[in-house]
Amino acid sequence: MQIHAITWNLFHGRDAPPDQSLFTWRSWLLKITERGAEYAQVNRSLFAEFATALSAMPWDVALLQESPPRWAPRLAEALGSETHLTLTSRNRLAPLSGWIADLNPDLIASSEGGSNLTLLRGALLGGDPAIAERRELVIHEGHPERRTMAFTRTSAGLCVANLHATNDRPELAGPEVLRAAETAIDWAGDAPLLFGGDLNLRPAEHPDVFEQLRDRHGLASPTAPGSIDHLLARGLEVLAQPSPLPHPEVVREPSFHGPLGLWRREAGLRIRLSDHTPVGAAYALAASTTDAAD
């Protein structure tokens, strides 16, 4: 069985134009769209755009981080998938924070609450249900914020570990990733394992962590020396190494200004989804693994 996988940090469902000057107080407070030469910065719900982008990507399993928790059932329906969600930080005021996020995503930003969301579709939906087991591991509690790992065992025999390690604190992220890997290996047993997400560690800067993942746990290989988003595998044949996919963008419809639209027609501008580029890879799951799962 061939399995295509992606990992993508959704940036809480927000856009991130390359020109950071487009993030202004007018947009932040008044929801005014800011326009540059090629890109617009919009402050509105982008659920439809993210769902469309995810639908167009090649995947059977998707590991999402900073995914708005309220999006999980809607994504499952829109993408024809089964889901496993674990909450991360800042979810105490839900659903109030979700309501504010729908009204003004940039104002509340990450304070709307976050989650790791694993989606299964395509080849992995052969079982009924596709998800045979769900587990959660808290890999960090307290300051600076809660971090978790979603562990999913599929009926096809594949196990998936999806996590988001602490950002800008490699002294925390390293132990978090290693603890998550050790637990995922223990929970998976002899089953093949896909381990990844936003690890917030670059192999070029912290090679020791990735050497331990490889040598102690058999998890290989990271995306790229400068990447923080990774897919690592154990017990799977790698058909296509993890690599960045095209960054999802949509074109904003042209708009008119002035009475009856007679003054000026504004060309369509691009909207760049998320501040992370998705990573994709392809694997082969041995037939004997699938048979054993049955």
C-alpha atoms as a PDB file:
ATOM      1  CA  MET A   1       0.000   0.000   0.000  1.00  0.00           C
ATOM      2  CA  GLN A   2       1.334   3.450  -0.937  1.00  0.00           C
ATOM      3  CA  ILE A   3       0.770   6.212   1.594  1.00  0.00           C
ATOM      4  CA  HIS A   4       1.202   9.911   0.938  1.00  0.00           C
ATOM      5  CA  ALA A   5       1.730  12.089   3.999  1.00  0.00           C
ATOM      6  CA  ILE A   6       1.927  15.811   4.683  1.00  0.00           C
ATOM      7  CA  THR A   7       2.626  17.967   7.711  1.00  0.00           C
ATOM      8  CA  TRP A   8       1.515  21.595   7.873  1.00  0.00           C
ATOM      9  CA  ASN A   9       1.297  24.234  10.586  1.00  0.00           C
ATOM     10  CA  LEU A  10      -1.898  26.192   9.808  1.00  0.00           C
ATOM     11  CA  PHE A  11      -0.926  29.385  11.697  1.00  0.00           C
ATOM     12  CA  HIS A  12      -4.360  29.327  13.388  1.00  0.00           C
ATOM     13  CA  GLY A  13      -6.066  29.585  10.003  1.00  0.00           C
ATOM     14  CA  ARG A  14      -4.528  32.958   9.131  1.00  0.00           C
ATOM     15  CA  ASP A  15      -2.693  34.346   6.119  1.00  0.00           C
ATOM     16  CA  ALA A  16       0.955  35.487   6.127  1.00  0.00           C
ATOM     17  CA  PRO A  17       1.982  37.643   3.165  1.00  0.00           C
ATOM     18  CA  PRO A  18       5.738  37.883   2.502  1.00  0.00           C
ATOM     19  CA  ASP A  19       5.550  41.646   3.059  1.00  0.00           C
ATOM     20  CA  GLN A  20       5.161  41.908   6.836  1.00  0.00           C
ATOM     21  CA  SER A  21       4.433  45.640   6.569  1.00  0.00           C
ATOM     22  CA  LEU A  22       0.918  44.649   5.467  1.00  0.00           C
ATOM     23  CA  PHE A  23       0.159  43.682   9.076  1.00  0.00           C
ATOM     24  CA  THR A  24      -1.074  47.073  10.286  1.00  0.00           C
ATOM     25  CA  TRP A  25      -3.158  48.397  13.165  1.00  0.00           C
ATOM     26  CA  ARG A  26      -5.933  49.191  10.655  1.00  0.00           C
ATOM     27  CA  SER A  27      -6.114  45.549   9.642  1.00  0.00           C
ATOM     28  CA  TRP A  28      -5.682  44.313  13.205  1.00  0.00           C
ATOM     29  CA  LEU A  29      -8.391  46.490  14.756  1.00  0.00           C
ATOM     30  CA  LEU A  30     -10.674  47.497  11.884  1.00  0.00           C
ATOM     31  CA  LYS A  31     -10.328  44.431   9.603  1.00  0.00           C
ATOM     32  CA  ILE A  32      -9.303  46.636   6.683  1.00  0.00           C
ATOM     33  CA  THR A  33      -7.630  44.613   3.931  1.00  0.00           C
ATOM     34  CA  GLU A  34      -4.107  45.858   3.257  1.00  0.00           C
ATOM     35  CA  ARG A  35      -2.807  45.634  -0.302  1.00  0.00           C
ATOM     36  CA  GLY A  36       0.739  45.380  -1.589  1.00  0.00           C
ATOM     37  CA  ALA A  37       2.103  45.001  -5.095  1.00  0.00           C
ATOM     38  CA  GLU A  38       1.324  41.254  -5.291  1.00  0.00           C
ATOM     39  CA  TYR A  39      -0.208  40.213  -1.986  1.00  0.00           C
ATOM     40  CA  ALA A  40      -3.115  41.213   0.202  1.00  0.00           C
ATOM     41  CA  GLN A  41      -3.366  40.734   3.952  1.00  0.00           C
ATOM     42  CA  VAL A  42      -6.910  39.849   4.962  1.00  0.00           C
ATOM     43  CA  ASN A  43      -8.407  39.627   8.443  1.00  0.00           C
ATOM     44  CA  ARG A  44     -11.307  37.206   8.034  1.00  0.00           C
ATOM     45  CA  SER A  45     -12.071  33.525   8.298  1.00  0.00           C
ATOM     46  CA  LEU A  46     -10.099  31.550   5.722  1.00  0.00           C
ATOM     47  CA  PHE A  47     -11.611  28.151   6.435  1.00  0.00           C
ATOM     48  CA  ALA A  48     -12.810  27.667   2.844  1.00  0.00           C
ATOM     49  CA  GLU A  49      -9.392  28.571   1.461  1.00  0.00           C
ATOM     50  CA  PHE A  50      -7.525  26.220   3.809  1.00  0.00           C
ATOM     51  CA  ALA A  51      -9.980  23.385   3.145  1.00  0.00           C
ATOM     52  CA  THR A  52      -9.567  23.870  -0.614  1.00  0.00           C
ATOM     53  CA  ALA A  53      -5.777  23.921  -0.312  1.00  0.00           C
ATOM     54  CA  LEU A  54      -5.761  20.746   1.781  1.00  0.00           C
ATOM     55  CA  SER A  55      -8.148  19.043  -0.605  1.00  0.00           C
ATOM     56  CA  ALA A  56      -5.760  19.691  -3.507  1.00  0.00           C
ATOM     57  CA  MET A  57      -2.679  18.249  -1.760  1.00  0.00           C
ATOM     58  CA  PRO A  58      -1.690  14.594  -2.227  1.00  0.00           C
ATOM     59  CA  TRP A  59      -2.155  12.885   1.141  1.00  0.00           C
ATOM     60  CA  ASP A  60      -3.636   9.900   2.899  1.00  0.00           C
ATOM     61  CA  VAL A  61      -2.507  11.165   6.305  1.00  0.00           C
ATOM     62  CA  ALA A  62      -2.164  14.836   7.247  1.00  0.00           C
ATOM     63  CA  LEU A  63      -0.441  16.056  10.394  1.00  0.00           C
ATOM     64  CA  LEU A  64      -1.685  19.574  11.179  1.00  0.00           C
ATOM     65  CA  GLN A  65      -0.500  21.894  13.940  1.00  0.00           C
ATOM     66  CA  GLU A  66      -1.913  25.210  15.169  1.00  0.00           C
ATOM     67  CA  SER A  67      -5.199  24.020  13.739  1.00  0.00           C
ATOM     68  CA  PRO A  68      -8.246  25.891  15.103  1.00  0.00           C
ATOM     69  CA  PRO A  69     -10.028  23.259  17.242  1.00  0.00           C
ATOM     70  CA  ARG A  70     -13.450  24.393  16.017  1.00  0.00           C
ATOM     71  CA  TRP A  71     -12.392  23.518  12.459  1.00  0.00           C
ATOM     72  CA  ALA A  72     -11.939  19.782  13.114  1.00  0.00           C
ATOM     73  CA  PRO A  73     -15.487  18.552  12.343  1.00  0.00           C
ATOM     74  CA  ARG A  74     -15.787  20.894   9.366  1.00  0.00           C
ATOM     75  CA  LEU A  75     -12.473  19.728   7.906  1.00  0.00           C
ATOM     76  CA  ALA A  76     -13.475  16.104   8.410  1.00  0.00           C
ATOM     77  CA  GLU A  77     -16.649  16.698   6.425  1.00  0.00           C
ATOM     78  CA  ALA A  78     -15.042  18.855   3.732  1.00  0.00           C
ATOM     79  CA  LEU A  79     -12.136  16.454   3.181  1.00  0.00           C
ATOM     80  CA  GLY A  80     -13.940  13.140   3.663  1.00  0.00           C
ATOM     81  CA  SER A  81     -11.590  12.143   6.473  1.00  0.00           C
ATOM     82  CA  GLU A  82     -11.444  10.696   9.953  1.00  0.00           C
ATOM     83  CA  THR A  83      -9.796  12.850  12.595  1.00  0.00           C
ATOM     84  CA  HIS A  84      -7.857  12.698  15.833  1.00  0.00           C
ATOM     85  CA  LEU A  85      -7.532  15.984  17.732  1.00  0.00           C
ATOM     86  CA  THR A  86      -5.496  16.838  20.820  1.00  0.00           C
ATOM     87  CA  LEU A  87      -5.761  20.284  22.373  1.00  0.00           C
ATOM     88  CA  THR A  88      -2.595  22.248  23.007  1.00  0.00           C
ATOM     89  CA  SER A  89      -2.667  25.681  24.669  1.00  0.00           C
ATOM     90  CA  ARG A  90      -5.074  28.555  25.383  1.00  0.00           C
ATOM     91  CA  ASN A  91      -8.315  26.600  25.080  1.00  0.00           C
ATOM     92  CA  ARG A  92      -9.843  27.489  28.449  1.00  0.00           C
ATOM     93  CA  LEU A  93     -12.217  30.131  27.066  1.00  0.00           C
ATOM     94  CA  ALA A  94     -13.552  28.108  24.148  1.00  0.00           C
ATOM     95  CA  PRO A  95     -16.091  28.487  22.560  1.00  0.00           C
ATOM     96  CA  LEU A  96     -15.947  32.243  23.300  1.00  0.00           C
ATOM     97  CA  SER A  97     -12.432  32.499  21.874  1.00  0.00           C
ATOM     98  CA  GLY A  98     -13.534  30.601  18.760  1.00  0.00           C
ATOM     99  CA  TRP A  99     -16.401  33.014  18.245  1.00  0.00           C
ATOM    100  CA  ILE A 100     -13.993  35.964  18.475  1.00  0.00           C
ATOM    101  CA  ALA A 101     -11.578  34.231  16.088  1.00  0.00           C
ATOM    102  CA  ASP A 102     -14.322  33.876  13.485  1.00  0.00           C
ATOM    103  CA  LEU A 103     -15.026  37.614  13.789  1.00  0.00           C
ATOM    104  CA  ASN A 104     -11.429  38.859  13.908  1.00  0.00           C
ATOM    105  CA  PRO A 105      -8.730  36.187  13.467  1.00  0.00           C
ATOM    106  CA  ASP A 106      -5.754  38.555  13.671  1.00  0.00           C
ATOM    107  CA  LEU A 107      -6.970  40.303  16.812  1.00  0.00           C
ATOM    108  CA  ILE A 108      -7.134  37.130  18.888  1.00  0.00           C
ATOM    109  CA  ALA A 109      -4.405  35.281  16.933  1.00  0.00           C
ATOM    110  CA  SER A 110      -3.048  32.267  18.853  1.00  0.00           C
ATOM    111  CA  SER A 111      -5.181  33.096  21.893  1.00  0.00           C
ATOM    112  CA  GLU A 112      -8.132  31.455  20.145  1.00  0.00           C
ATOM    113  CA  GLY A 113      -6.692  28.100  21.213  1.00  0.00           C
ATOM    114  CA  GLY A 114      -4.739  25.483  19.309  1.00  0.00           C
ATOM    115  CA  SER A 115      -4.621  21.792  18.516  1.00  0.00           C
ATOM    116  CA  ASN A 116      -2.747  19.056  16.751  1.00  0.00           C
ATOM    117  CA  LEU A 117      -5.094  17.478  14.232  1.00  0.00           C
ATOM    118  CA  THR A 118      -4.407  14.234  12.385  1.00  0.00           C
ATOM    119  CA  LEU A 119      -6.553  13.484   9.315  1.00  0.00           C
ATOM    120  CA  LEU A 120      -6.878  10.158   7.489  1.00  0.00           C
ATOM    121  CA  ARG A 121      -8.349   9.723   4.032  1.00  0.00           C
ATOM    122  CA  GLY A 122      -7.715   7.874   0.772  1.00  0.00           C
ATOM    123  CA  ALA A 123      -5.858   4.589   1.154  1.00  0.00           C
ATOM    124  CA  LEU A 124      -6.137   4.695   4.951  1.00  0.00           C
ATOM    125  CA  LEU A 125      -9.936   4.742   4.931  1.00  0.00           C
ATOM    126  CA  GLY A 126     -10.119   1.075   3.964  1.00  0.00           C
ATOM    127  CA  GLY A 127     -10.888   0.051   7.510  1.00  0.00           C
ATOM    128  CA  ASP A 128     -14.173   0.788   9.228  1.00  0.00           C
ATOM    129  CA  PRO A 129     -13.321   2.787  11.205  1.00  0.00           C
ATOM    130  CA  ALA A 130      -9.925   3.868   9.859  1.00  0.00           C
ATOM    131  CA  ILE A 131      -8.726   4.847  13.338  1.00  0.00           C
ATOM    132  CA  ALA A 132      -8.310   1.875  15.631  1.00  0.00           C
ATOM    133  CA  GLU A 133      -6.800   3.700  18.617  1.00  0.00           C
ATOM    134  CA  ARG A 134      -6.325   7.283  19.829  1.00  0.00           C
ATOM    135  CA  ARG A 135      -3.868   8.321  22.557  1.00  0.00           C
ATOM    136  CA  GLU A 136      -2.578  11.644  23.836  1.00  0.00           C
ATOM    137  CA  LEU A 137       0.710  12.535  25.507  1.00  0.00           C
ATOM    138  CA  VAL A 138       1.338  15.889  27.192  1.00  0.00           C
ATOM    139  CA  ILE A 139       4.957  16.595  26.266  1.00  0.00           C
ATOM    140  CA  HIS A 140       5.091  19.958  28.071  1.00  0.00           C
ATOM    141  CA  GLU A 141       2.850  21.473  30.736  1.00  0.00           C
ATOM    142  CA  GLY A 142       2.992  24.992  32.140  1.00  0.00           C
ATOM    143  CA  HIS A 143       5.134  27.909  30.975  1.00  0.00           C
ATOM    144  CA  PRO A 144       5.521  28.873  28.173  1.00  0.00           C
ATOM    145  CA  GLU A 145       2.530  26.796  27.006  1.00  0.00           C
ATOM    146  CA  ARG A 146       1.033  23.337  26.881  1.00  0.00           C
ATOM    147  CA  ARG A 147       2.258  20.984  24.165  1.00  0.00           C
ATOM    148  CA  THR A 148       0.853  17.565  23.260  1.00  0.00           C
ATOM    149  CA  MET A 149       1.358  14.629  20.928  1.00  0.00           C
ATOM    150  CA  ALA A 150      -1.545  12.927  19.161  1.00  0.00           C
ATOM    151  CA  PHE A 151      -0.839   9.212  18.686  1.00  0.00           C
ATOM    152  CA  THR A 152      -3.088   7.440  16.193  1.00  0.00           C
ATOM    153  CA  ARG A 153      -3.146   3.744  15.319  1.00  0.00           C
ATOM    154  CA  THR A 154      -4.865   3.032  12.018  1.00  0.00           C
ATOM    155  CA  SER A 155      -6.728  -0.111  11.060  1.00  0.00           C
ATOM    156  CA  ALA A 156      -4.244  -0.447   8.164  1.00  0.00           C
ATOM    157  CA  GLY A 157      -1.466  -1.077  10.692  1.00  0.00           C
ATOM    158  CA  LEU A 158       0.266   2.299  10.482  1.00  0.00           C
ATOM    159  CA  CYS A 159       0.816   4.393  13.618  1.00  0.00           C
ATOM    160  CA  VAL A 160       1.067   8.194  13.412  1.00  0.00           C
ATOM    161  CA  ALA A 161       2.532  10.603  15.983  1.00  0.00           C
ATOM    162  CA  ASN A 162       1.716  14.283  15.443  1.00  0.00           C
ATOM    163  CA  LEU A 163       3.286  16.955  17.658  1.00  0.00           C
ATOM    164  CA  HIS A 164       4.229  20.633  17.906  1.00  0.00           C
ATOM    165  CA  ALA A 165       7.264  21.284  20.092  1.00  0.00           C
ATOM    166  CA  THR A 166       7.929  24.527  21.938  1.00  0.00           C
ATOM    167  CA  ASN A 167       9.094  27.305  19.628  1.00  0.00           C
ATOM    168  CA  ASP A 168      12.208  29.465  20.097  1.00  0.00           C
ATOM    169  CA  ARG A 169      13.304  27.327  23.058  1.00  0.00           C
ATOM    170  CA  PRO A 170      15.462  24.472  21.721  1.00  0.00           C
ATOM    171  CA  GLU A 171      16.447  23.545  25.286  1.00  0.00           C
ATOM    172  CA  LEU A 172      12.758  22.605  25.727  1.00  0.00           C
ATOM    173  CA  ALA A 173      11.975  21.395  22.206  1.00  0.00           C
ATOM    174  CA  GLY A 174      14.817  18.841  22.155  1.00  0.00           C
ATOM    175  CA  PRO A 175      13.708  16.912  25.249  1.00  0.00           C
ATOM    176  CA  GLU A 176      10.061  17.215  24.182  1.00  0.00           C
ATOM    177  CA  VAL A 177      10.746  15.636  20.791  1.00  0.00           C
ATOM    178  CA  LEU A 178      12.858  12.843  22.273  1.00  0.00           C
ATOM    179  CA  ARG A 179      10.253  12.088  24.950  1.00  0.00           C
ATOM    180  CA  ALA A 180       7.519  12.025  22.317  1.00  0.00           C
ATOM    181  CA  ALA A 181       9.575   9.692  20.108  1.00  0.00           C
ATOM    182  CA  GLU A 182      10.312   7.289  22.967  1.00  0.00           C
ATOM    183  CA  THR A 183       6.631   7.134  23.910  1.00  0.00           C
ATOM    184  CA  ALA A 184       5.448   6.784  20.311  1.00  0.00           C
ATOM    185  CA  ILE A 185       7.862   3.893  19.742  1.00  0.00           C
ATOM    186  CA  ASP A 186       6.655   2.215  22.941  1.00  0.00           C
ATOM    187  CA  TRP A 187       2.994   2.639  22.002  1.00  0.00           C
ATOM    188  CA  ALA A 188       3.524   1.542  18.379  1.00  0.00           C
ATOM    189  CA  GLY A 189       5.311  -1.677  19.343  1.00  0.00           C
ATOM    190  CA  ASP A 190       6.291  -3.527  16.181  1.00  0.00           C
ATOM    191  CA  ALA A 191       3.968  -1.475  13.957  1.00  0.00           C
ATOM    192  CA  PRO A 192       5.398   0.971  11.397  1.00  0.00           C
ATOM    193  CA  LEU A 193       5.451   4.534  12.660  1.00  0.00           C
ATOM    194  CA  LEU A 194       5.208   7.951  11.019  1.00  0.00           C
ATOM    195  CA  PHE A 195       6.479  10.599  13.434  1.00  0.00           C
ATOM    196  CA  GLY A 196       6.394  14.295  12.659  1.00  0.00           C
ATOM    197  CA  GLY A 197       4.933  17.758  12.787  1.00  0.00           C
ATOM    198  CA  ASP A 198       6.378  21.122  13.684  1.00  0.00           C
ATOM    199  CA  LEU A 199       9.381  20.052  15.765  1.00  0.00           C
ATOM    200  CA  ASN A 200      10.828  23.578  15.978  1.00  0.00           C
ATOM    201  CA  LEU A 201      14.318  22.109  15.575  1.00  0.00           C
ATOM    202  CA  ARG A 202      16.627  22.436  12.575  1.00  0.00           C
ATOM    203  CA  PRO A 203      18.967  19.484  11.899  1.00  0.00           C
ATOM    204  CA  ALA A 204      21.764  21.876  10.949  1.00  0.00           C
ATOM    205  CA  GLU A 205      21.575  23.566  14.351  1.00  0.00           C
ATOM    206  CA  HIS A 206      20.684  20.579  16.560  1.00  0.00           C
ATOM    207  CA  PRO A 207      22.093  17.485  14.829  1.00  0.00           C
ATOM    208  CA  ASP A 208      22.365  15.601  18.123  1.00  0.00           C
ATOM    209  CA  VAL A 209      18.564  15.372  18.482  1.00  0.00           C
ATOM    210  CA  PHE A 210      18.115  13.954  14.985  1.00  0.00           C
ATOM    211  CA  GLU A 211      21.021  11.564  15.476  1.00  0.00           C
ATOM    212  CA  GLN A 212      19.288  10.214  18.598  1.00  0.00           C
ATOM    213  CA  LEU A 213      15.992   9.905  16.731  1.00  0.00           C
ATOM    214  CA  ARG A 214      17.771   7.863  14.078  1.00  0.00           C
ATOM    215  CA  ASP A 215      20.154   5.799  16.183  1.00  0.00           C
ATOM    216  CA  ARG A 216      17.962   5.123  19.235  1.00  0.00           C
ATOM    217  CA  HIS A 217      14.527   4.981  17.624  1.00  0.00           C
ATOM    218  CA  GLY A 218      15.122   4.251  13.922  1.00  0.00           C
ATOM    219  CA  LEU A 219      13.290   7.419  12.868  1.00  0.00           C
ATOM    220  CA  ALA A 220      14.663   8.844   9.615  1.00  0.00           C
ATOM    221  CA  SER A 221      15.024  11.085   7.780  1.00  0.00           C
ATOM    222  CA  PRO A 222      14.426  14.814   8.462  1.00  0.00           C
ATOM    223  CA  THR A 223      13.111  17.128   5.774  1.00  0.00           C
ATOM    224  CA  ALA A 224      16.101  19.415   5.221  1.00  0.00           C
ATOM    225  CA  PRO A 225      18.963  20.904   7.279  1.00  0.00           C
ATOM    226  CA  GLY A 226      17.145  24.219   7.712  1.00  0.00           C
ATOM    227  CA  SER A 227      13.597  22.918   8.147  1.00  0.00           C
ATOM    228  CA  ILE A 228      11.583  22.757  11.373  1.00  0.00           C
ATOM    229  CA  ASP A 229       8.670  20.776   9.854  1.00  0.00           C
ATOM    230  CA  HIS A 230       9.536  17.096   9.568  1.00  0.00           C
ATOM    231  CA  LEU A 231       8.220  13.665   8.665  1.00  0.00           C
ATOM    232  CA  LEU A 232      10.300  10.782  10.027  1.00  0.00           C
ATOM    233  CA  ALA A 233       9.528   7.115   9.508  1.00  0.00           C
ATOM    234  CA  ARG A 234      10.321   3.748  11.036  1.00  0.00           C
ATOM    235  CA  GLY A 235       9.343   0.475   9.401  1.00  0.00           C
ATOM    236  CA  LEU A 236       8.212   2.129   6.162  1.00  0.00           C
ATOM    237  CA  GLU A 237       9.810   2.080   2.720  1.00  0.00           C
ATOM    238  CA  VAL A 238      10.471   5.662   1.658  1.00  0.00           C
ATOM    239  CA  LEU A 239       9.217   6.234  -1.886  1.00  0.00           C
ATOM    240  CA  ALA A 240       9.625  10.024  -1.868  1.00  0.00           C
ATOM    241  CA  GLN A 241      11.765  11.814   0.700  1.00  0.00           C
ATOM    242  CA  PRO A 242      10.110  14.561   2.765  1.00  0.00           C
ATOM    243  CA  SER A 243      10.332  17.861   0.902  1.00  0.00           C
ATOM    244  CA  PRO A 244       8.486  21.185   0.811  1.00  0.00           C
ATOM    245  CA  LEU A 245       5.331  21.380  -1.286  1.00  0.00           C
ATOM    246  CA  PRO A 246       4.288  24.538  -3.167  1.00  0.00           C
ATOM    247  CA  HIS A 247       3.175  27.130  -0.637  1.00  0.00           C
ATOM    248  CA  PRO A 248      -0.636  27.384  -0.829  1.00  0.00           C
ATOM    249  CA  GLU A 249      -1.872  30.695  -2.196  1.00  0.00           C
ATOM    250  CA  VAL A 250      -5.215  31.883  -3.529  1.00  0.00           C
ATOM    251  CA  VAL A 251      -6.068  34.850  -5.716  1.00  0.00           C
ATOM    252  CA  ARG A 252      -8.388  37.440  -4.245  1.00  0.00           C
ATOM    253  CA  GLU A 253     -11.156  38.451  -6.608  1.00  0.00           C
ATOM    254  CA  PRO A 254     -10.655  41.840  -8.318  1.00  0.00           C
ATOM    255  CA  SER A 255     -12.619  44.649  -6.707  1.00  0.00           C
ATOM    256  CA  PHE A 256     -14.037  47.973  -7.851  1.00  0.00           C
ATOM    257  CA  HIS A 257     -13.868  51.366  -6.166  1.00  0.00           C
ATOM    258  CA  GLY A 258     -16.108  54.407  -6.611  1.00  0.00           C
ATOM    259  CA  PRO A 259     -19.802  54.783  -7.511  1.00  0.00           C
ATOM    260  CA  LEU A 260     -21.013  51.868  -9.628  1.00  0.00           C
ATOM    261  CA  GLY A 261     -17.437  50.653  -9.899  1.00  0.00           C
ATOM    262  CA  LEU A 262     -16.554  53.283 -12.473  1.00  0.00           C
ATOM    263  CA  TRP A 263     -13.452  54.804 -10.890  1.00  0.00           C
ATOM    264  CA  ARG A 264     -10.883  52.073 -10.570  1.00  0.00           C
ATOM    265  CA  ARG A 265     -10.668  48.330 -10.991  1.00  0.00           C
ATOM    266  CA  GLU A 266      -8.174  46.711  -8.625  1.00  0.00           C
ATOM    267  CA  ALA A 267      -6.320  43.669  -9.913  1.00  0.00           C
ATOM    268  CA  GLY A 268      -6.615  40.432  -7.998  1.00  0.00           C
ATOM    269  CA  LEU A 269      -3.941  39.988  -5.330  1.00  0.00           C
ATOM    270  CA  ARG A 270      -2.563  36.791  -3.846  1.00  0.00           C
ATOM    271  CA  ILE A 271      -3.375  35.559  -0.347  1.00  0.00           C
ATOM    272  CA  ARG A 272      -0.636  33.408   1.178  1.00  0.00           C
ATOM    273  CA  LEU A 273      -2.015  30.819   3.599  1.00  0.00           C
ATOM    274  CA  SER A 274      -0.072  30.247   6.842  1.00  0.00           C
ATOM    275  CA  ASP A 275       3.484  31.201   7.733  1.00  0.00           C
ATOM    276  CA  HIS A 276       4.647  27.591   7.182  1.00  0.00           C
ATOM    277  CA  THR A 277       5.170  25.714   3.939  1.00  0.00           C
ATOM    278  CA  PRO A 278       3.660  22.193   3.962  1.00  0.00           C
ATOM    279  CA  VAL A 279       5.979  19.202   3.699  1.00  0.00           C
ATOM    280  CA  GLY A 280       5.062  16.040   1.811  1.00  0.00           C
ATOM    281  CA  ALA A 281       6.460  12.515   1.497  1.00  0.00           C
ATOM    282  CA  ALA A 282       5.429   9.088   0.194  1.00  0.00           C
ATOM    283  CA  TYR A 283       5.880   5.658   1.754  1.00  0.00           C
ATOM    284  CA  ALA A 284       5.077   2.013   1.144  1.00  0.00           C
ATOM    285  CA  LEU A 285       3.318   0.011   3.846  1.00  0.00           C
ATOM    286  CA  ALA A 286       4.141  -3.671   3.605  1.00  0.00           C
ATOM    287  CA  ALA A 287       1.271  -5.984   2.757  1.00  0.00           C
ATOM    288  CA  SER A 288       2.160  -8.171   5.753  1.00  0.00           C
ATOM    289  CA  THR A 289       1.559  -5.159   8.038  1.00  0.00           C
ATOM    290  CA  THR A 290      -1.895  -4.584   6.584  1.00  0.00           C
ATOM    291  CA  ASP A 291      -2.712  -8.295   6.864  1.00  0.00           C
ATOM    292  CA  ALA A 292      -1.579  -8.316  10.504  1.00  0.00           C
ATOM    293  CA  ALA A 293      -3.811  -5.346  11.266  1.00  0.00           C
ATOM    294  CA  ASP A 294      -6.793  -7.228   9.837  1.00  0.00           C
END
